[in-house]
Amino acid sequence: MNEYENKKKWKRKTVCNNCGMQGHLFFSCKRPIMSFGIICFRYNPKRKQNEYLLVRRKDTLGYVDFLRGKFNIYNDFHIKQLIAEMTHYEIIGILNNEYSQLWSNLWNKKNEKFDVKINEKFNYIKNKKKYLFPQTVNWSEPEWGFPKGRRNGKENDYECSIREFEEETGYSSKNLIMIKNVGFVEEIFTGSNAKSYKHKYYICKMDYSNTLCENNFQKEEISDLKWFSYNECILKIRNYNHEKLNILKKVHLLINNNLYI
């Protein structure tokens, strides 16, 4: 078998964990970074209205990227963007704790190994650029959003959505009722790291009786799970998440007018 045939065979076997297509790997994928999830709603007979399931991250996106060293120490604008996404508690933690402790807490493990170079970046910002940390903080809690996550090898979009929903919420997918005439909605946006992201959500319903347990969520990544009315969701989702707010409005309009089967 010559080199050309070997390469052709490799491409047939190789599947990208990002877009799910053959012929390349995640690191060389040209498409936006993709996640798949479920927008789930229920009718609450006590409140006599539809409610949507939201999960709250354990740590903010800005905090995670900061601890992972996803910044240039000379790019003050980007660093301030990351810090602006953090909660008051996270900023206090950065200013008053060693990197090793915060890194271990991030992964819920004691003495978790860390990158020495990232530790140096962390200390440089903390000691030399303390002026980047604001006196007042906008957020008292991490971001709320819909259950979602990245694809595992050879999963299709829907399989990934279902797995992530079960893992993050603790609810069984057997109780999900797919809204057939909608299928899915998508949000595409550019993150503070200048990378493109695409989130694909399937629309599902659950009977109220199957949603009463709210404490089986994934504690490693999720800090809370709640069912909210539409207006409550609007207040919980951060105001700069325009795409997420827009798809919620579209889904709510459809559901509130019973335009689904």
Protein backbone atom coordinates (compact mmCIF):
# COMPACT_ATOMS: atom_id res chain seq x y z
CA MET A 1 0.00 0.00 0.00
CA ASN A 2 1.54 3.33 -1.08
CA GLU A 3 1.58 6.58 0.90
CA TYR A 4 -1.45 8.01 -0.93
CA GLU A 5 -3.57 4.94 -0.15
CA ASN A 6 -2.44 4.99 3.49
CA LYS A 7 -3.46 8.62 3.81
CA LYS A 8 -6.82 7.92 2.17
CA LYS A 9 -7.46 5.01 4.55
CA TRP A 10 -6.52 7.16 7.56
CA LYS A 11 -8.97 9.86 6.49
CA ARG A 12 -11.78 7.31 6.19
CA LYS A 13 -11.13 6.05 9.73
CA THR A 14 -10.54 9.45 11.33
CA VAL A 15 -13.58 11.21 12.80
CA CYS A 16 -13.45 14.73 14.24
CA ASN A 17 -14.75 14.96 17.82
CA ASN A 18 -15.86 18.53 17.11
CA CYS A 19 -17.93 18.47 13.91
CA GLY A 20 -18.36 14.68 13.63
CA MET A 21 -17.08 14.55 10.05
CA GLN A 22 -14.40 12.25 8.67
CA GLY A 23 -10.91 13.10 7.46
CA HIS A 24 -9.52 15.33 10.19
CA LEU A 25 -9.07 15.70 13.96
CA PHE A 26 -10.37 18.26 16.44
CA PHE A 27 -7.25 20.46 16.45
CA SER A 28 -7.43 20.97 12.67
CA CYS A 29 -11.22 21.44 12.44
CA LYS A 30 -12.18 24.64 10.61
CA ARG A 31 -15.71 24.78 12.02
CA PRO A 32 -16.78 26.63 15.20
CA ILE A 33 -16.18 24.80 18.48
CA MET A 34 -19.40 22.85 18.94
CA SER A 35 -21.49 21.78 21.93
CA PHE A 36 -24.81 19.95 22.01
CA GLY A 37 -27.59 20.12 24.56
CA ILE A 38 -31.26 20.14 25.46
CA ILE A 39 -33.66 23.03 26.07
CA CYS A 40 -36.21 21.33 28.31
CA PHE A 41 -39.52 22.72 29.53
CA ARG A 42 -42.37 21.57 31.73
CA TYR A 43 -45.81 22.85 32.64
CA ASN A 44 -46.01 23.68 36.35
CA PRO A 45 -49.64 23.16 37.49
CA LYS A 46 -49.00 25.05 40.74
CA ARG A 47 -47.79 28.19 39.01
CA LYS A 48 -49.93 27.54 35.91
CA GLN A 49 -47.15 28.34 33.48
CA ASN A 50 -44.35 26.77 31.48
CA GLU A 51 -40.90 26.61 33.05
CA TYR A 52 -37.45 26.00 31.57
CA LEU A 53 -34.60 23.97 33.01
CA LEU A 54 -31.38 25.89 33.64
CA VAL A 55 -28.12 24.74 35.20
CA ARG A 56 -25.55 26.97 36.86
CA ARG A 57 -21.85 26.42 36.22
CA LYS A 58 -19.57 25.63 39.16
CA ASP A 59 -17.04 28.21 37.94
CA THR A 60 -17.41 31.06 35.47
CA LEU A 61 -15.96 30.72 31.98
CA GLY A 62 -13.64 33.67 32.62
CA TYR A 63 -12.31 32.13 35.82
CA VAL A 64 -11.64 28.75 34.18
CA ASP A 65 -9.82 30.34 31.23
CA PHE A 66 -7.77 32.49 33.63
CA LEU A 67 -6.64 29.49 35.68
CA ARG A 68 -5.86 27.58 32.49
CA GLY A 69 -3.62 30.43 31.35
CA LYS A 70 -5.66 31.16 28.22
CA PHE A 71 -4.37 34.72 27.89
CA ASN A 72 -1.36 36.78 26.88
CA ILE A 73 0.12 38.56 29.91
CA TYR A 74 0.56 41.72 27.80
CA ASN A 75 -3.04 41.81 26.54
CA ASP A 76 -4.71 43.82 29.29
CA PHE A 77 -7.95 44.13 27.32
CA HIS A 78 -8.48 40.36 27.11
CA ILE A 79 -7.47 39.80 30.73
CA LYS A 80 -9.99 42.45 31.85
CA GLN A 81 -12.66 40.66 29.79
CA LEU A 82 -11.96 37.40 31.61
CA ILE A 83 -12.00 39.10 35.01
CA ALA A 84 -15.25 40.91 34.13
CA GLU A 85 -16.96 37.52 33.78
CA MET A 86 -15.87 36.37 37.25
CA THR A 87 -17.84 36.46 40.48
CA HIS A 88 -16.78 38.43 43.54
CA TYR A 89 -15.93 35.16 45.28
CA GLU A 90 -13.63 34.06 42.42
CA ILE A 91 -11.74 37.35 42.34
CA ILE A 92 -11.23 37.29 46.11
CA GLY A 93 -9.99 33.72 45.74
CA ILE A 94 -7.41 34.71 43.13
CA LEU A 95 -6.10 37.61 45.20
CA ASN A 96 -5.85 35.64 48.44
CA ASN A 97 -4.80 32.11 47.45
CA GLU A 98 -1.93 30.31 45.81
CA TYR A 99 -2.41 29.03 42.27
CA SER A 100 -1.90 25.40 43.32
CA GLN A 101 -4.84 25.59 45.75
CA LEU A 102 -7.18 27.18 43.21
CA TRP A 103 -6.16 24.66 40.54
CA SER A 104 -6.90 21.73 42.85
CA ASN A 105 -10.26 23.24 43.80
CA LEU A 106 -11.13 23.70 40.14
CA TRP A 107 -10.85 19.96 39.53
CA ASN A 108 -12.11 18.92 43.00
CA LYS A 109 -8.85 17.07 43.65
CA LYS A 110 -6.12 17.48 46.24
CA ASN A 111 -2.61 18.31 45.02
CA GLU A 112 -3.65 18.26 41.36
CA LYS A 113 -0.61 18.70 39.08
CA PHE A 114 -0.33 22.04 37.33
CA ASP A 115 1.73 23.73 34.63
CA VAL A 116 4.59 25.73 36.17
CA LYS A 117 4.51 28.27 33.31
CA ILE A 118 0.81 28.96 33.89
CA ASN A 119 1.54 29.39 37.59
CA GLU A 120 4.12 32.03 36.65
CA LYS A 121 1.59 33.83 34.43
CA PHE A 122 -0.94 33.74 37.26
CA ASN A 123 1.53 35.25 39.75
CA TYR A 124 2.64 37.91 37.27
CA ILE A 125 -0.91 39.19 36.78
CA LYS A 126 -1.72 38.90 40.47
CA ASN A 127 1.41 40.76 41.63
CA LYS A 128 2.31 43.09 38.75
CA LYS A 129 -1.13 43.90 37.31
CA LYS A 130 -3.43 44.01 40.31
CA TYR A 131 -4.93 47.19 38.83
CA LEU A 132 -6.81 44.97 36.34
CA PHE A 133 -9.02 43.66 39.13
CA PRO A 134 -12.04 45.96 39.65
CA GLN A 135 -13.22 47.38 42.96
CA THR A 136 -16.83 46.45 42.18
CA VAL A 137 -17.94 43.16 40.61
CA ASN A 138 -21.05 42.64 38.48
CA TRP A 139 -21.75 39.00 39.26
CA SER A 140 -22.66 37.20 42.47
CA GLU A 141 -22.96 33.75 40.86
CA PRO A 142 -21.60 31.86 37.81
CA GLU A 143 -23.42 31.68 34.48
CA TRP A 144 -26.80 29.98 34.09
CA GLY A 145 -27.55 28.15 30.85
CA PHE A 146 -28.98 25.05 29.25
CA PRO A 147 -27.40 21.60 29.81
CA LYS A 148 -24.86 20.94 27.06
CA GLY A 149 -21.40 19.60 26.34
CA ARG A 150 -18.84 18.37 23.84
CA ARG A 151 -19.12 15.28 21.68
CA ASN A 152 -17.40 12.00 22.56
CA GLY A 153 -15.82 9.92 19.80
CA LYS A 154 -18.31 8.72 17.16
CA GLU A 155 -21.35 10.22 18.93
CA ASN A 156 -23.90 11.93 16.73
CA ASP A 157 -25.34 15.31 17.73
CA TYR A 158 -28.45 13.93 19.43
CA GLU A 159 -26.58 11.20 21.32
CA CYS A 160 -24.21 13.80 22.71
CA SER A 161 -27.12 16.04 23.76
CA ILE A 162 -28.86 13.20 25.58
CA ARG A 163 -25.71 12.03 27.37
CA GLU A 164 -24.80 15.54 28.50
CA PHE A 165 -28.37 16.16 29.68
CA GLU A 166 -28.38 13.02 31.80
CA GLU A 167 -24.88 13.63 33.19
CA GLU A 168 -25.41 17.27 34.11
CA THR A 169 -28.99 17.13 35.42
CA GLY A 170 -29.37 13.60 36.78
CA TYR A 171 -32.70 13.27 34.95
CA SER A 172 -33.37 10.21 32.80
CA SER A 173 -33.63 10.82 29.06
CA LYS A 174 -36.44 8.24 29.01
CA ASN A 175 -38.71 10.96 30.36
CA LEU A 176 -37.88 13.44 27.59
CA ILE A 177 -40.55 14.09 24.97
CA MET A 178 -39.02 15.41 21.75
CA ILE A 179 -40.77 18.36 20.09
CA LYS A 180 -40.83 16.92 16.59
CA ASN A 181 -41.79 19.88 14.44
CA VAL A 182 -39.02 22.08 15.86
CA GLY A 183 -36.13 19.67 16.11
CA PHE A 184 -33.35 21.98 17.23
CA VAL A 185 -32.18 25.58 17.51
CA GLU A 186 -28.64 26.93 17.29
CA GLU A 187 -26.63 29.82 18.68
CA ILE A 188 -23.40 30.93 17.01
CA PHE A 189 -21.16 33.51 18.63
CA THR A 190 -17.58 34.67 19.12
CA GLY A 191 -16.16 34.24 22.62
CA SER A 192 -13.93 36.64 24.53
CA ASN A 193 -11.00 34.54 23.23
CA ALA A 194 -11.94 35.52 19.63
CA LYS A 195 -12.89 31.90 18.80
CA SER A 196 -16.17 30.92 17.15
CA TYR A 197 -18.64 28.71 19.02
CA LYS A 198 -21.78 26.90 17.97
CA HIS A 199 -24.31 25.44 20.42
CA LYS A 200 -27.03 23.15 19.11
CA TYR A 201 -30.04 22.47 21.32
CA TYR A 202 -32.85 19.96 20.87
CA ILE A 203 -36.23 21.01 22.27
CA CYS A 204 -37.86 18.57 24.70
CA LYS A 205 -40.65 18.47 27.25
CA MET A 206 -40.89 16.62 30.57
CA ASP A 207 -43.98 15.84 32.63
CA TYR A 208 -44.02 17.75 35.89
CA SER A 209 -44.13 14.54 37.95
CA ASN A 210 -40.75 13.48 36.53
CA THR A 211 -38.98 16.74 37.41
CA LEU A 212 -39.43 17.07 41.17
CA CYS A 213 -35.94 15.89 42.13
CA GLU A 214 -33.50 18.78 41.69
CA ASN A 215 -30.42 17.62 43.60
CA ASN A 216 -28.95 14.83 41.45
CA PHE A 217 -27.00 17.18 39.19
CA GLN A 218 -23.30 16.72 38.40
CA LYS A 219 -21.51 18.41 41.31
CA GLU A 220 -18.11 18.44 39.54
CA GLU A 221 -19.27 20.91 36.88
CA ILE A 222 -22.67 22.20 38.01
CA SER A 223 -23.40 24.17 41.20
CA ASP A 224 -27.20 24.37 40.92
CA LEU A 225 -30.20 23.28 38.87
CA LYS A 226 -33.58 25.04 38.80
CA TRP A 227 -36.80 25.32 36.80
CA PHE A 228 -37.57 28.95 35.97
CA SER A 229 -40.39 30.83 34.30
CA TYR A 230 -39.54 32.64 31.07
CA ASN A 231 -39.19 35.99 32.85
CA GLU A 232 -37.00 34.43 35.54
CA CYS A 233 -34.77 32.92 32.83
CA ILE A 234 -34.35 36.34 31.23
CA LEU A 235 -33.07 37.65 34.56
CA LYS A 236 -30.81 34.65 35.22
CA ILE A 237 -29.08 34.49 31.81
CA ARG A 238 -26.39 37.15 31.63
CA ASN A 239 -27.36 40.17 29.54
CA TYR A 240 -24.33 39.89 27.26
CA ASN A 241 -25.37 36.36 26.18
CA HIS A 242 -27.48 37.83 23.37
CA GLU A 243 -27.64 34.66 21.28
CA LYS A 244 -28.81 32.53 24.21
CA LEU A 245 -31.48 35.07 25.11
CA ASN A 246 -32.66 35.22 21.50
CA ILE A 247 -33.12 31.47 21.11
CA LEU A 248 -34.95 31.33 24.45
CA LYS A 249 -37.34 34.01 23.16
CA LYS A 250 -37.94 32.05 19.95
CA VAL A 251 -38.55 28.78 21.80
CA HIS A 252 -40.83 30.46 24.34
CA LEU A 253 -42.92 32.08 21.61
CA LEU A 254 -43.39 28.71 19.96
CA ILE A 255 -44.25 26.89 23.19
CA ASN A 256 -46.44 29.62 24.64
CA ASN A 257 -48.58 29.63 21.50
CA ASN A 258 -48.78 25.81 21.45
CA LEU A 259 -47.16 25.71 18.02
CA TYR A 260 -45.53 22.35 18.61
CA ILE A 261 -46.28 18.65 18.38
